[in-house]
Each structure stands twice: as structure tokens, then as C-alpha cells.
């Protein structure tokens, strides 16, 4: 069950095996083993994977069918700013389609370039 869910989440995010392994601090072959079912992740690894994919451990373990994780007490309409460059696991969508990591980087680069141009015109 967990291996199939890992594949689904990775493909939905359009992330490579290497990208995930790097963010988890493990070898690519180790993570590939999780997806293929040849290796079982430790409880600590499951926790880290759930955080990376912004999902629950219950979803990864097959206890719930909804991958969306909504922590209690956390509201998206927070008064504190959210730094996009520090959140590689943040799911943003446009027209119902999740932005890939590359699209997020392009979005950030566009905003930075736009701000730089605005500074030059002032």
C-alpha cells in the first residue's frame, strides 16, 4: 500500500526519485526501494515523507483515502507571511492543476524579475 501511495504522490508533484531522496537525506536507491516495495521505510522515514509530501502518515499507511492533510489549529489565512522559497512541499494550483517544482521556481524568478524592473523605473 505505502509503495503505491508514494508513487502517486511523487508523480503528482512531478518530482524525481533523486529530488525526494535528497530532501529526505537518503540514497536514491533506498527511496526507490520504498516505491518498488523491496524496502520498508522506518517510522521516522514515514514521518519525514509525510512532511515532505504535506500529507498524513495515515494516508501513506492506507488508513485514510484522502491525501490532503489539514493540521488542526493551522489556518491558511494566517497573519504571518509564508516564504515560498522555503516550502518545496507546498501545493499550489492554477486552474486546478498543481504547479511542478520547476513551475514554482519559474514563478519565484518571475516575481523577483518583476520587482527588480519596478525598482529600476522608480
PDB file of N, CA and C in Angstrom:
ATOM      1  N   UNK A   1       0.814  -1.195   0.000  1.00  0.00           N
ATOM      2  CA  UNK A   1       0.000   0.000   0.000  1.00  0.00           C
ATOM      3  C   UNK A   1       0.860   1.263   0.000  1.00  0.00           C
ATOM      4  N   UNK A   2       1.853   1.333   0.913  1.00  0.00           N
ATOM      5  CA  UNK A   2       2.656   2.543   1.017  1.00  0.00           C
ATOM      6  C   UNK A   2       3.433   2.808  -0.270  1.00  0.00           C
ATOM      7  N   UNK A   3       3.927   1.748  -0.909  1.00  0.00           N
ATOM      8  CA  UNK A   3       4.706   1.959  -2.130  1.00  0.00           C
ATOM      9  C   UNK A   3       3.869   2.586  -3.238  1.00  0.00           C
ATOM     10  N   UNK A   4       2.614   2.155  -3.373  1.00  0.00           N
ATOM     11  CA  UNK A   4       1.740   2.730  -4.408  1.00  0.00           C
ATOM     12  C   UNK A   4       1.430   4.193  -4.104  1.00  0.00           C
ATOM     13  N   UNK A   5       1.203   4.490  -2.844  1.00  0.00           N
ATOM     14  CA  UNK A   5       0.892   5.873  -2.456  1.00  0.00           C
ATOM     15  C   UNK A   5       2.099   6.783  -2.690  1.00  0.00           C
ATOM     16  N   UNK A   6       3.292   6.265  -2.434  1.00  0.00           N
ATOM     17  CA  UNK A   6       4.497   7.060  -2.677  1.00  0.00           C
ATOM     18  C   UNK A   6       4.646   7.387  -4.159  1.00  0.00           C
ATOM     19  N   UNK A   7       4.385   6.411  -5.010  1.00  0.00           N
ATOM     20  CA  UNK A   7       4.461   6.637  -6.461  1.00  0.00           C
ATOM     21  C   UNK A   7       3.456   7.693  -6.898  1.00  0.00           C
ATOM     22  N   UNK A   8       2.233   7.574  -6.404  1.00  0.00           N
ATOM     23  CA  UNK A   8       1.171   8.521  -6.772  1.00  0.00           C
ATOM     24  C   UNK A   8       1.561   9.935  -6.370  1.00  0.00           C
ATOM     25  N   UNK A   9       2.006  10.093  -5.135  1.00  0.00           N
ATOM     26  CA  UNK A   9       2.367  11.423  -4.646  1.00  0.00           C
ATOM     27  C   UNK A   9       3.533  12.009  -5.429  1.00  0.00           C
ATOM     28  N   UNK A  10       4.556  11.192  -5.699  1.00  0.00           N
ATOM     29  CA  UNK A  10       5.727  11.698  -6.435  1.00  0.00           C
ATOM     30  C   UNK A  10       5.345  12.123  -7.845  1.00  0.00           C
ATOM     31  N   UNK A  11       4.547  11.303  -8.519  1.00  0.00           N
ATOM     32  CA  UNK A  11       4.161  11.634  -9.891  1.00  0.00           C
ATOM     33  C   UNK A  11       3.256  12.857  -9.934  1.00  0.00           C
ATOM     34  N   UNK A  12       2.403  13.000  -8.942  1.00  0.00           N
ATOM     35  CA  UNK A  12       1.524  14.169  -8.871  1.00  0.00           C
ATOM     36  C   UNK A  12       2.338  15.451  -8.729  1.00  0.00           C
ATOM     37  N   UNK A  13       3.432  15.378  -7.976  1.00  0.00           N
ATOM     38  CA  UNK A  13       4.296  16.541  -7.773  1.00  0.00           C
ATOM     39  C   UNK A  13       5.306  16.721  -8.912  1.00  0.00           C
ATOM     40  N   UNK A  14       5.440  15.680  -9.747  1.00  0.00           N
ATOM     41  CA  UNK A  14       6.406  15.686 -10.849  1.00  0.00           C
ATOM     42  C   UNK A  14       7.839  15.800 -10.315  1.00  0.00           C
ATOM     43  N   UNK A  15       8.095  15.108  -9.197  1.00  0.00           N
ATOM     44  CA  UNK A  15       9.412  15.091  -8.590  1.00  0.00           C
ATOM     45  C   UNK A  15      10.159  13.830  -9.007  1.00  0.00           C
ATOM     46  N   UNK A  16      11.460  13.921  -9.089  1.00  0.00           N
ATOM     47  CA  UNK A  16      12.285  12.750  -9.404  1.00  0.00           C
ATOM     48  C   UNK A  16      12.586  11.980  -8.122  1.00  0.00           C
ATOM     49  N   UNK A  17      12.993  10.737  -8.300  1.00  0.00           N
ATOM     50  CA  UNK A  17      13.428   9.931  -7.157  1.00  0.00           C
ATOM     51  C   UNK A  17      14.591  10.621  -6.445  1.00  0.00           C
ATOM     52  N   UNK A  18      15.507  11.178  -7.225  1.00  0.00           N
ATOM     53  CA  UNK A  18      16.682  11.837  -6.663  1.00  0.00           C
ATOM     54  C   UNK A  18      16.294  13.062  -5.837  1.00  0.00           C
ATOM     55  N   UNK A  19      15.329  13.831  -6.338  1.00  0.00           N
ATOM     56  CA  UNK A  19      14.875  15.025  -5.622  1.00  0.00           C
ATOM     57  C   UNK A  19      14.351  14.642  -4.232  1.00  0.00           C
ATOM     58  N   UNK A  20      13.521  13.620  -4.186  1.00  0.00           N
ATOM     59  CA  UNK A  20      12.948  13.185  -2.912  1.00  0.00           C
ATOM     60  C   UNK A  20      14.034  12.641  -1.996  1.00  0.00           C
ATOM     61  N   UNK A  21      14.891  11.789  -2.529  1.00  0.00           N
ATOM     62  CA  UNK A  21      15.969  11.211  -1.726  1.00  0.00           C
ATOM     63  C   UNK A  21      16.846  12.312  -1.128  1.00  0.00           C
ATOM     64  N   UNK A  22      17.163  13.322  -1.920  1.00  0.00           N
ATOM     65  CA  UNK A  22      17.986  14.431  -1.430  1.00  0.00           C
ATOM     66  C   UNK A  22      17.297  15.151  -0.274  1.00  0.00           C
ATOM     67  N   UNK A  23      16.006  15.394  -0.409  1.00  0.00           N
ATOM     68  CA  UNK A  23      15.273  16.103   0.641  1.00  0.00           C
ATOM     69  C   UNK A  23      15.076  15.254   1.901  1.00  0.00           C
ATOM     70  N   UNK A  24      15.113  13.949   1.739  1.00  0.00           N
ATOM     71  CA  UNK A  24      14.987  13.065   2.895  1.00  0.00           C
ATOM     72  C   UNK A  24      16.345  12.721   3.501  1.00  0.00           C
ATOM     73  N   UNK A  25      17.417  13.027   2.767  1.00  0.00           N
ATOM     74  CA  UNK A  25      18.759  12.716   3.252  1.00  0.00           C
ATOM     75  C   UNK A  25      19.086  11.234   3.180  1.00  0.00           C
ATOM     76  N   UNK A  26      18.542  10.565   2.146  1.00  0.00           N
ATOM     77  CA  UNK A  26      18.800   9.133   1.960  1.00  0.00           C
ATOM     78  C   UNK A  26      19.276   8.899   0.531  1.00  0.00           C
ATOM     79  N   UNK A  27      19.761   7.691   0.262  1.00  0.00           N
ATOM     80  CA  UNK A  27      20.207   7.340  -1.085  1.00  0.00           C
ATOM     81  C   UNK A  27      18.992   7.179  -2.003  1.00  0.00           C
ATOM     82  N   UNK A  28      19.201   7.492  -3.260  1.00  0.00           N
ATOM     83  CA  UNK A  28      18.141   7.323  -4.258  1.00  0.00           C
ATOM     84  C   UNK A  28      17.671   5.869  -4.299  1.00  0.00           C
ATOM     85  N   UNK A  29      18.599   4.931  -4.193  1.00  0.00           N
ATOM     86  CA  UNK A  29      18.240   3.508  -4.236  1.00  0.00           C
ATOM     87  C   UNK A  29      17.357   3.111  -3.046  1.00  0.00           C
ATOM     88  N   UNK A  30      17.578   3.754  -1.909  1.00  0.00           N
ATOM     89  CA  UNK A  30      16.752   3.468  -0.726  1.00  0.00           C
ATOM     90  C   UNK A  30      15.319   3.902  -0.987  1.00  0.00           C
ATOM     91  N   UNK A  31      15.155   5.132  -1.492  1.00  0.00           N
ATOM     92  CA  UNK A  31      13.795   5.609  -1.770  1.00  0.00           C
ATOM     93  C   UNK A  31      13.147   4.790  -2.885  1.00  0.00           C
ATOM     94  N   UNK A  32      13.914   4.445  -3.898  1.00  0.00           N
ATOM     95  CA  UNK A  32      13.383   3.617  -4.986  1.00  0.00           C
ATOM     96  C   UNK A  32      12.893   2.279  -4.425  1.00  0.00           C
ATOM     97  N   UNK A  33      13.606   1.754  -3.439  1.00  0.00           N
ATOM     98  CA  UNK A  33      13.182   0.518  -2.785  1.00  0.00           C
ATOM     99  C   UNK A  33      11.852   0.677  -2.063  1.00  0.00           C
ATOM    100  N   UNK A  34      11.610   1.856  -1.483  1.00  0.00           N
ATOM    101  CA  UNK A  34      10.317   2.114  -0.842  1.00  0.00           C
ATOM    102  C   UNK A  34       9.196   2.055  -1.874  1.00  0.00           C
ATOM    103  N   UNK A  35       9.425   2.702  -3.033  1.00  0.00           N
ATOM    104  CA  UNK A  35       8.385   2.739  -4.073  1.00  0.00           C
ATOM    105  C   UNK A  35       8.167   1.373  -4.722  1.00  0.00           C
ATOM    106  N   UNK A  36       9.220   0.602  -4.853  1.00  0.00           N
ATOM    107  CA  UNK A  36       9.081  -0.710  -5.503  1.00  0.00           C
ATOM    108  C   UNK A  36       8.529  -1.764  -4.544  1.00  0.00           C
ATOM    109  N   UNK A  37       8.581  -1.467  -3.246  1.00  0.00           N
ATOM    110  CA  UNK A  37       8.111  -2.426  -2.257  1.00  0.00           C
ATOM    111  C   UNK A  37       9.190  -3.369  -1.765  1.00  0.00           C
ATOM    112  N   UNK A  38      10.433  -3.193  -2.247  1.00  0.00           N
ATOM    113  CA  UNK A  38      11.535  -4.051  -1.816  1.00  0.00           C
ATOM    114  C   UNK A  38      12.094  -3.646  -0.458  1.00  0.00           C
ATOM    115  N   UNK A  39      11.810  -2.416  -0.045  1.00  0.00           N
ATOM    116  CA  UNK A  39      12.258  -1.934   1.263  1.00  0.00           C
ATOM    117  C   UNK A  39      11.067  -1.328   1.975  1.00  0.00           C
ATOM    118  N   UNK A  40      11.092  -1.387   3.279  1.00  0.00           N
ATOM    119  CA  UNK A  40      10.046  -0.767   4.093  1.00  0.00           C
ATOM    120  C   UNK A  40      10.662   0.417   4.835  1.00  0.00           C
ATOM    121  N   UNK A  41      10.053   1.590   4.709  1.00  0.00           N
ATOM    122  CA  UNK A  41      10.598   2.748   5.430  1.00  0.00           C
ATOM    123  C   UNK A  41      10.373   2.613   6.936  1.00  0.00           C
ATOM    124  N   UNK A  42      11.305   3.149   7.693  1.00  0.00           N
ATOM    125  CA  UNK A  42      11.167   3.176   9.152  1.00  0.00           C
ATOM    126  C   UNK A  42      10.061   4.155   9.533  1.00  0.00           C
ATOM    127  N   UNK A  43       9.655   4.115  10.781  1.00  0.00           N
ATOM    128  CA  UNK A  43       8.637   5.068  11.245  1.00  0.00           C
ATOM    129  C   UNK A  43       9.129   6.504  11.087  1.00  0.00           C
ATOM    130  N   UNK A  44      10.399   6.715  11.361  1.00  0.00           N
ATOM    131  CA  UNK A  44      10.977   8.051  11.192  1.00  0.00           C
ATOM    132  C   UNK A  44      10.920   8.480   9.722  1.00  0.00           C
ATOM    133  N   UNK A  45      11.259   7.576   8.817  1.00  0.00           N
ATOM    134  CA  UNK A  45      11.216   7.884   7.386  1.00  0.00           C
ATOM    135  C   UNK A  45       9.790   8.172   6.937  1.00  0.00           C
ATOM    136  N   UNK A  46       8.823   7.425   7.429  1.00  0.00           N
ATOM    137  CA  UNK A  46       7.413   7.664   7.072  1.00  0.00           C
ATOM    138  C   UNK A  46       6.996   9.063   7.515  1.00  0.00           C
ATOM    139  N   UNK A  47       7.423   9.442   8.701  1.00  0.00           N
ATOM    140  CA  UNK A  47       7.116  10.781   9.218  1.00  0.00           C
ATOM    141  C   UNK A  47       7.721  11.855   8.314  1.00  0.00           C
ATOM    142  N   UNK A  48       8.981  11.698   7.948  1.00  0.00           N
ATOM    143  CA  UNK A  48       9.659  12.665   7.078  1.00  0.00           C
ATOM    144  C   UNK A  48       9.016  12.727   5.697  1.00  0.00           C
ATOM    145  N   UNK A  49       8.644  11.573   5.162  1.00  0.00           N
ATOM    146  CA  UNK A  49       7.999  11.519   3.846  1.00  0.00           C
ATOM    147  C   UNK A  49       6.649  12.226   3.893  1.00  0.00           C
ATOM    148  N   UNK A  50       5.881  11.980   4.951  1.00  0.00           N
ATOM    149  CA  UNK A  50       4.579  12.637   5.088  1.00  0.00           C
ATOM    150  C   UNK A  50       4.754  14.152   5.135  1.00  0.00           C
ATOM    151  N   UNK A  51       5.746  14.622   5.869  1.00  0.00           N
ATOM    152  CA  UNK A  51       6.010  16.064   5.923  1.00  0.00           C
ATOM    153  C   UNK A  51       6.408  16.607   4.559  1.00  0.00           C
ATOM    154  N   UNK A  52       7.271  15.893   3.863  1.00  0.00           N
ATOM    155  CA  UNK A  52       7.727  16.344   2.548  1.00  0.00           C
ATOM    156  C   UNK A  52       6.565  16.468   1.568  1.00  0.00           C
ATOM    157  N   UNK A  53       5.677  15.487   1.570  1.00  0.00           N
ATOM    158  CA  UNK A  53       4.546  15.498   0.648  1.00  0.00           C
ATOM    159  C   UNK A  53       3.337  16.260   1.187  1.00  0.00           C
ATOM    160  N   UNK A  54       3.480  16.802   2.397  1.00  0.00           N
ATOM    161  CA  UNK A  54       2.385  17.542   3.027  1.00  0.00           C
ATOM    162  C   UNK A  54       1.118  16.688   3.092  1.00  0.00           C
ATOM    163  N   UNK A  55       1.293  15.474   3.568  1.00  0.00           N
ATOM    164  CA  UNK A  55       0.185  14.544   3.730  1.00  0.00           C
ATOM    165  C   UNK A  55       0.281  13.927   5.118  1.00  0.00           C
ATOM    166  N   UNK A  56      -0.611  13.022   5.417  1.00  0.00           N
ATOM    167  CA  UNK A  56      -0.585  12.389   6.739  1.00  0.00           C
ATOM    168  C   UNK A  56       0.066  11.007   6.659  1.00  0.00           C
ATOM    169  N   UNK A  57       0.578  10.571   7.789  1.00  0.00           N
ATOM    170  CA  UNK A  57       1.113   9.218   7.854  1.00  0.00           C
ATOM    171  C   UNK A  57      -0.022   8.211   7.675  1.00  0.00           C
ATOM    172  N   UNK A  58      -1.214   8.568   8.113  1.00  0.00           N
ATOM    173  CA  UNK A  58      -2.364   7.679   7.917  1.00  0.00           C
ATOM    174  C   UNK A  58      -2.628   7.439   6.434  1.00  0.00           C
ATOM    175  N   UNK A  59      -2.481   8.481   5.613  1.00  0.00           N
ATOM    176  CA  UNK A  59      -2.662   8.297   4.170  1.00  0.00           C
ATOM    177  C   UNK A  59      -1.582   7.366   3.611  1.00  0.00           C
ATOM    178  N   UNK A  60      -0.338   7.605   3.993  1.00  0.00           N
ATOM    179  CA  UNK A  60       0.753   6.759   3.493  1.00  0.00           C
ATOM    180  C   UNK A  60       0.548   5.298   3.872  1.00  0.00           C
ATOM    181  N   UNK A  61       0.026   5.061   5.072  1.00  0.00           N
ATOM    182  CA  UNK A  61      -0.159   3.700   5.565  1.00  0.00           C
ATOM    183  C   UNK A  61      -1.473   3.067   5.129  1.00  0.00           C
ATOM    184  N   UNK A  62      -2.293   3.815   4.393  1.00  0.00           N
ATOM    185  CA  UNK A  62      -3.536   3.257   3.870  1.00  0.00           C
ATOM    186  C   UNK A  62      -4.706   3.295   4.838  1.00  0.00           C
ATOM    187  N   UNK A  63      -4.579   4.057   5.910  1.00  0.00           N
ATOM    188  CA  UNK A  63      -5.675   4.137   6.889  1.00  0.00           C
ATOM    189  C   UNK A  63      -6.765   5.104   6.467  1.00  0.00           C
ATOM    190  N   UNK A  64      -6.418   6.098   5.638  1.00  0.00           N
ATOM    191  CA  UNK A  64      -7.390   7.035   5.082  1.00  0.00           C
ATOM    192  C   UNK A  64      -7.126   7.150   3.591  1.00  0.00           C
ATOM    193  N   UNK A  65      -8.150   7.543   2.846  1.00  0.00           N
ATOM    194  CA  UNK A  65      -8.011   7.633   1.393  1.00  0.00           C
ATOM    195  C   UNK A  65      -7.765   9.048   0.884  1.00  0.00           C
ATOM    196  N   UNK A  66      -7.848  10.029   1.745  1.00  0.00           N
ATOM    197  CA  UNK A  66      -7.666  11.424   1.338  1.00  0.00           C
ATOM    198  C   UNK A  66      -6.233  11.867   1.641  1.00  0.00           C
ATOM    199  N   UNK A  67      -5.454  12.217   0.589  1.00  0.00           N
ATOM    200  CA  UNK A  67      -4.056  12.596   0.831  1.00  0.00           C
ATOM    201  C   UNK A  67      -3.883  13.987   1.429  1.00  0.00           C
ATOM    202  N   UNK A  68      -4.901  14.827   1.323  1.00  0.00           N
ATOM    203  CA  UNK A  68      -4.785  16.192   1.823  1.00  0.00           C
ATOM    204  C   UNK A  68      -4.727  16.187   3.338  1.00  0.00           C
ATOM    205  N   UNK A  69      -3.707  16.831   3.856  1.00  0.00           N
ATOM    206  CA  UNK A  69      -3.501  16.891   5.301  1.00  0.00           C
ATOM    207  C   UNK A  69      -3.801  18.297   5.772  1.00  0.00           C
ATOM    208  N   UNK A  70      -4.725  18.403   6.703  1.00  0.00           N
ATOM    209  CA  UNK A  70      -5.085  19.702   7.259  1.00  0.00           C
ATOM    210  C   UNK A  70      -4.855  19.654   8.767  1.00  0.00           C
ATOM    211  N   UNK A  71      -3.685  20.122   9.209  1.00  0.00           N
ATOM    212  CA  UNK A  71      -3.403  20.082  10.640  1.00  0.00           C
ATOM    213  C   UNK A  71      -4.393  20.924  11.428  1.00  0.00           C
ATOM    214  N   UNK A  72      -4.805  20.424  12.572  1.00  0.00           N
ATOM    215  CA  UNK A  72      -5.721  21.176  13.421  1.00  0.00           C
ATOM    216  C   UNK A  72      -5.005  22.402  13.956  1.00  0.00           C
ATOM    217  N   UNK A  73      -5.749  23.495  13.999  1.00  0.00           N
ATOM    218  CA  UNK A  73      -5.204  24.717  14.568  1.00  0.00           C
ATOM    219  C   UNK A  73      -4.392  25.548  13.588  1.00  0.00           C
ATOM    220  N   UNK A  74      -4.159  25.039  12.395  1.00  0.00           N
ATOM    221  CA  UNK A  74      -3.416  25.810  11.400  1.00  0.00           C
ATOM    222  C   UNK A  74      -4.391  26.299  10.346  1.00  0.00           C
ATOM    223  N   UNK A  75      -4.344  27.577  10.079  1.00  0.00           N
ATOM    224  CA  UNK A  75      -5.258  28.194   9.123  1.00  0.00           C
ATOM    225  C   UNK A  75      -4.439  28.839   8.023  1.00  0.00           C
ATOM    226  N   UNK A  76      -4.817  28.610   6.786  1.00  0.00           N
ATOM    227  CA  UNK A  76      -4.087  29.169   5.644  1.00  0.00           C
ATOM    228  C   UNK A  76      -4.162  30.697   5.642  1.00  0.00           C
ATOM    229  N   UNK A  77      -5.163  31.257   6.316  1.00  0.00           N
ATOM    230  CA  UNK A  77      -5.317  32.703   6.362  1.00  0.00           C
ATOM    231  C   UNK A  77      -4.571  33.276   7.561  1.00  0.00           C
ATOM    232  N   UNK A  78      -3.375  32.802   7.775  1.00  0.00           N
ATOM    233  CA  UNK A  78      -2.550  33.234   8.883  1.00  0.00           C
ATOM    234  C   UNK A  78      -2.087  34.661   8.664  1.00  0.00           C
ATOM    235  N   UNK A  79      -1.871  35.365   9.750  1.00  0.00           N
ATOM    236  CA  UNK A  79      -1.368  36.730   9.641  1.00  0.00           C
ATOM    237  C   UNK A  79       0.134  36.740   9.392  1.00  0.00           C
ATOM    238  N   UNK A  80       0.793  35.596   9.549  1.00  0.00           N
ATOM    239  CA  UNK A  80       2.220  35.513   9.302  1.00  0.00           C
ATOM    240  C   UNK A  80       2.469  35.204   7.824  1.00  0.00           C
ATOM    241  N   UNK A  81       3.458  35.866   7.216  1.00  0.00           N
ATOM    242  CA  UNK A  81       3.750  35.588   5.801  1.00  0.00           C
ATOM    243  C   UNK A  81       4.320  34.185   5.609  1.00  0.00           C
ATOM    244  N   UNK A  82       4.085  33.625   4.431  1.00  0.00           N
ATOM    245  CA  UNK A  82       4.603  32.309   4.070  1.00  0.00           C
ATOM    246  C   UNK A  82       5.708  32.520   3.041  1.00  0.00           C
ATOM    247  N   UNK A  83       6.907  32.038   3.338  1.00  0.00           N
ATOM    248  CA  UNK A  83       8.039  32.161   2.423  1.00  0.00           C
ATOM    249  C   UNK A  83       8.017  30.992   1.446  1.00  0.00           C
ATOM    250  N   UNK A  84       7.697  31.258   0.187  1.00  0.00           N
ATOM    251  CA  UNK A  84       7.564  30.199  -0.814  1.00  0.00           C
ATOM    252  C   UNK A  84       8.869  29.473  -1.085  1.00  0.00           C
ATOM    253  N   UNK A  85       9.986  30.162  -0.998  1.00  0.00           N
ATOM    254  CA  UNK A  85      11.261  29.507  -1.311  1.00  0.00           C
ATOM    255  C   UNK A  85      11.665  28.493  -0.255  1.00  0.00           C
ATOM    256  N   UNK A  86      11.031  28.519   0.913  1.00  0.00           N
ATOM    257  CA  UNK A  86      11.365  27.575   1.984  1.00  0.00           C
ATOM    258  C   UNK A  86      10.398  26.407   2.047  1.00  0.00           C
ATOM    259  N   UNK A  87       9.447  26.338   1.151  1.00  0.00           N
ATOM    260  CA  UNK A  87       8.422  25.303   1.226  1.00  0.00           C
ATOM    261  C   UNK A  87       8.334  24.495  -0.059  1.00  0.00           C
ATOM    262  N   UNK A  88       9.282  23.595  -0.310  1.00  0.00           N
ATOM    263  CA  UNK A  88       9.226  22.815  -1.543  1.00  0.00           C
ATOM    264  C   UNK A  88       8.045  21.861  -1.594  1.00  0.00           C
ATOM    265  N   UNK A  89       7.422  21.588  -0.469  1.00  0.00           N
ATOM    266  CA  UNK A  89       6.313  20.642  -0.461  1.00  0.00           C
ATOM    267  C   UNK A  89       4.958  21.336  -0.480  1.00  0.00           C
ATOM    268  N   UNK A  90       4.935  22.637  -0.664  1.00  0.00           N
ATOM    269  CA  UNK A  90       3.681  23.375  -0.716  1.00  0.00           C
ATOM    270  C   UNK A  90       2.971  23.099  -2.034  1.00  0.00           C
ATOM    271  N   UNK A  91       1.702  22.749  -1.958  1.00  0.00           N
ATOM    272  CA  UNK A  91       0.914  22.508  -3.159  1.00  0.00           C
ATOM    273  C   UNK A  91       0.180  23.780  -3.550  1.00  0.00           C
ATOM    274  N   UNK A  92       0.581  24.371  -4.661  1.00  0.00           N
ATOM    275  CA  UNK A  92      -0.145  25.494  -5.233  1.00  0.00           C
ATOM    276  C   UNK A  92      -0.742  25.032  -6.546  1.00  0.00           C
ATOM    277  N   UNK A  93      -1.934  25.508  -6.854  1.00  0.00           N
ATOM    278  CA  UNK A  93      -2.576  25.114  -8.104  1.00  0.00           C
ATOM    279  C   UNK A  93      -2.971  26.338  -8.902  1.00  0.00           C
ATOM    280  N   UNK A  94      -3.015  26.161 -10.190  1.00  0.00           N
ATOM    281  CA  UNK A  94      -3.553  27.142 -11.124  1.00  0.00           C
ATOM    282  C   UNK A  94      -4.504  26.390 -12.029  1.00  0.00           C
ATOM    283  N   UNK A  95      -5.741  26.856 -12.081  1.00  0.00           N
ATOM    284  CA  UNK A  95      -6.788  26.199 -12.872  1.00  0.00           C
ATOM    285  C   UNK A  95      -6.938  24.728 -12.492  1.00  0.00           C
ATOM    286  N   UNK A  96      -6.757  24.429 -11.207  1.00  0.00           N
ATOM    287  CA  UNK A  96      -6.944  23.072 -10.713  1.00  0.00           C
ATOM    288  C   UNK A  96      -5.773  22.139 -10.933  1.00  0.00           C
ATOM    289  N   UNK A  97      -4.692  22.623 -11.534  1.00  0.00           N
ATOM    290  CA  UNK A  97      -3.523  21.783 -11.791  1.00  0.00           C
ATOM    291  C   UNK A  97      -2.367  22.217 -10.891  1.00  0.00           C
ATOM    292  N   UNK A  98      -1.797  21.251 -10.173  1.00  0.00           N
ATOM    293  CA  UNK A  98      -0.713  21.536  -9.236  1.00  0.00           C
ATOM    294  C   UNK A  98       0.534  22.003  -9.983  1.00  0.00           C
ATOM    295  N   UNK A  99       1.160  23.053  -9.436  1.00  0.00           N
ATOM    296  CA  UNK A  99       2.402  23.546 -10.016  1.00  0.00           C
ATOM    297  C   UNK A  99       3.527  22.561  -9.713  1.00  0.00           C
ATOM    298  N   UNK A 100       4.346  22.288 -10.713  1.00  0.00           N
ATOM    299  CA  UNK A 100       5.515  21.435 -10.504  1.00  0.00           C
ATOM    300  C   UNK A 100       6.580  22.255  -9.781  1.00  0.00           C
ATOM    301  N   UNK A 101       7.617  21.583  -9.304  1.00  0.00           N
ATOM    302  CA  UNK A 101       8.719  22.271  -8.642  1.00  0.00           C
ATOM    303  C   UNK A 101       9.359  23.277  -9.596  1.00  0.00           C
ATOM    304  N   UNK A 102       9.517  22.890 -10.837  1.00  0.00           N
ATOM    305  CA  UNK A 102      10.105  23.791 -11.835  1.00  0.00           C
ATOM    306  C   UNK A 102       9.219  25.016 -12.048  1.00  0.00           C
ATOM    307  N   UNK A 103       7.908  24.817 -12.105  1.00  0.00           N
ATOM    308  CA  UNK A 103       6.992  25.949 -12.275  1.00  0.00           C
ATOM    309  C   UNK A 103       7.033  26.884 -11.064  1.00  0.00           C
ATOM    310  N   UNK A 104       7.188  26.301  -9.866  1.00  0.00           N
ATOM    311  CA  UNK A 104       7.318  27.129  -8.665  1.00  0.00           C
ATOM    312  C   UNK A 104       8.579  27.985  -8.753  1.00  0.00           C
ATOM    313  N   UNK A 105       9.684  27.386  -9.194  1.00  0.00           N
ATOM    314  CA  UNK A 105      10.929  28.141  -9.330  1.00  0.00           C
ATOM    315  C   UNK A 105      10.784  29.249 -10.371  1.00  0.00           C
ATOM    316  N   UNK A 106      10.093  28.958 -11.470  1.00  0.00           N
ATOM    317  CA  UNK A 106       9.862  29.966 -12.503  1.00  0.00           C
ATOM    318  C   UNK A 106       8.979  31.095 -11.976  1.00  0.00           C
ATOM    319  N   UNK A 107       7.982  30.745 -11.182  1.00  0.00           N
ATOM    320  CA  UNK A 107       7.095  31.737 -10.579  1.00  0.00           C
ATOM    321  C   UNK A 107       7.887  32.677  -9.667  1.00  0.00           C
ATOM    322  N   UNK A 108       8.741  32.099  -8.828  1.00  0.00           N
ATOM    323  CA  UNK A 108       9.563  32.894  -7.912  1.00  0.00           C
ATOM    324  C   UNK A 108      10.507  33.792  -8.709  1.00  0.00           C
ATOM    325  N   UNK A 109      11.127  33.245  -9.757  1.00  0.00           N
ATOM    326  CA  UNK A 109      12.036  34.029 -10.598  1.00  0.00           C
ATOM    327  C   UNK A 109      11.294  35.169 -11.291  1.00  0.00           C
ATOM    328  N   UNK A 110      10.074  34.912 -11.739  1.00  0.00           N
ATOM    329  CA  UNK A 110       9.273  35.955 -12.397  1.00  0.00           C
ATOM    330  C   UNK A 110       8.996  37.106 -11.429  1.00  0.00           C
ATOM    331  N   UNK A 111       8.584  36.797 -10.221  1.00  0.00           N
ATOM    332  CA  UNK A 111       8.271  37.835  -9.236  1.00  0.00           C
ATOM    333  C   UNK A 111       9.522  38.647  -8.902  1.00  0.00           C
ATOM    334  N   UNK A 112      10.656  37.955  -8.740  1.00  0.00           N
ATOM    335  CA  UNK A 112      11.900  38.668  -8.447  1.00  0.00           C
ATOM    336  C   UNK A 112      12.288  39.600  -9.596  1.00  0.00           C
ATOM    337  N   UNK A 113      12.154  39.138 -10.836  1.00  0.00           N
ATOM    338  CA  UNK A 113      12.484  39.962 -12.008  1.00  0.00           C
ATOM    339  C   UNK A 113      11.530  41.150 -12.106  1.00  0.00           C
ATOM    340  N   UNK A 114      10.263  40.924 -11.866  1.00  0.00           N
ATOM    341  CA  UNK A 114       9.258  41.994 -11.910  1.00  0.00           C
ATOM    342  C   UNK A 114       9.577  43.063 -10.870  1.00  0.00           C
ATOM    343  N   UNK A 115       9.920  42.650  -9.675  1.00  0.00           N
ATOM    344  CA  UNK A 115      10.260  43.602  -8.620  1.00  0.00           C
ATOM    345  C   UNK A 115      11.509  44.400  -8.972  1.00  0.00           C
ATOM    346  N   UNK A 116      12.493  43.727  -9.562  1.00  0.00           N
ATOM    347  CA  UNK A 116      13.721  44.416  -9.972  1.00  0.00           C
ATOM    348  C   UNK A 116      13.426  45.475 -11.034  1.00  0.00           C
ATOM    349  N   UNK A 117      12.559  45.137 -11.995  1.00  0.00           N
ATOM    350  CA  UNK A 117      12.183  46.106 -13.031  1.00  0.00           C
ATOM    351  C   UNK A 117      11.449  47.292 -12.431  1.00  0.00           C
ATOM    352  N   UNK A 118      10.585  47.026 -11.465  1.00  0.00           N
ATOM    353  CA  UNK A 118       9.853  48.112 -10.809  1.00  0.00           C
ATOM    354  C   UNK A 118      10.782  49.047 -10.052  1.00  0.00           C
ATOM    355  N   UNK A 119      11.837  48.500  -9.453  1.00  0.00           N
ATOM    356  CA  UNK A 119      12.820  49.330  -8.743  1.00  0.00           C
ATOM    357  C   UNK A 119      13.555  50.255  -9.721  1.00  0.00           C
ATOM    358  N   UNK A 120      13.832  49.716 -10.914  1.00  0.00           N
ATOM    359  CA  UNK A 120      14.578  50.497 -11.905  1.00  0.00           C
ATOM    360  C   UNK A 120      13.754  51.645 -12.475  1.00  0.00           C
ATOM    361  N   UNK A 121      12.431  51.491 -12.516  1.00  0.00           N
ATOM    362  CA  UNK A 121      11.575  52.526 -13.090  1.00  0.00           C
ATOM    363  C   UNK A 121      11.221  53.607 -12.076  1.00  0.00           C
ATOM    364  N   UNK A 122      11.531  53.397 -10.811  1.00  0.00           N
ATOM    365  CA  UNK A 122      11.218  54.405  -9.778  1.00  0.00           C
ATOM    366  C   UNK A 122      12.268  55.451  -9.665  1.00  0.00           C
TER     367      UNK A 122
END
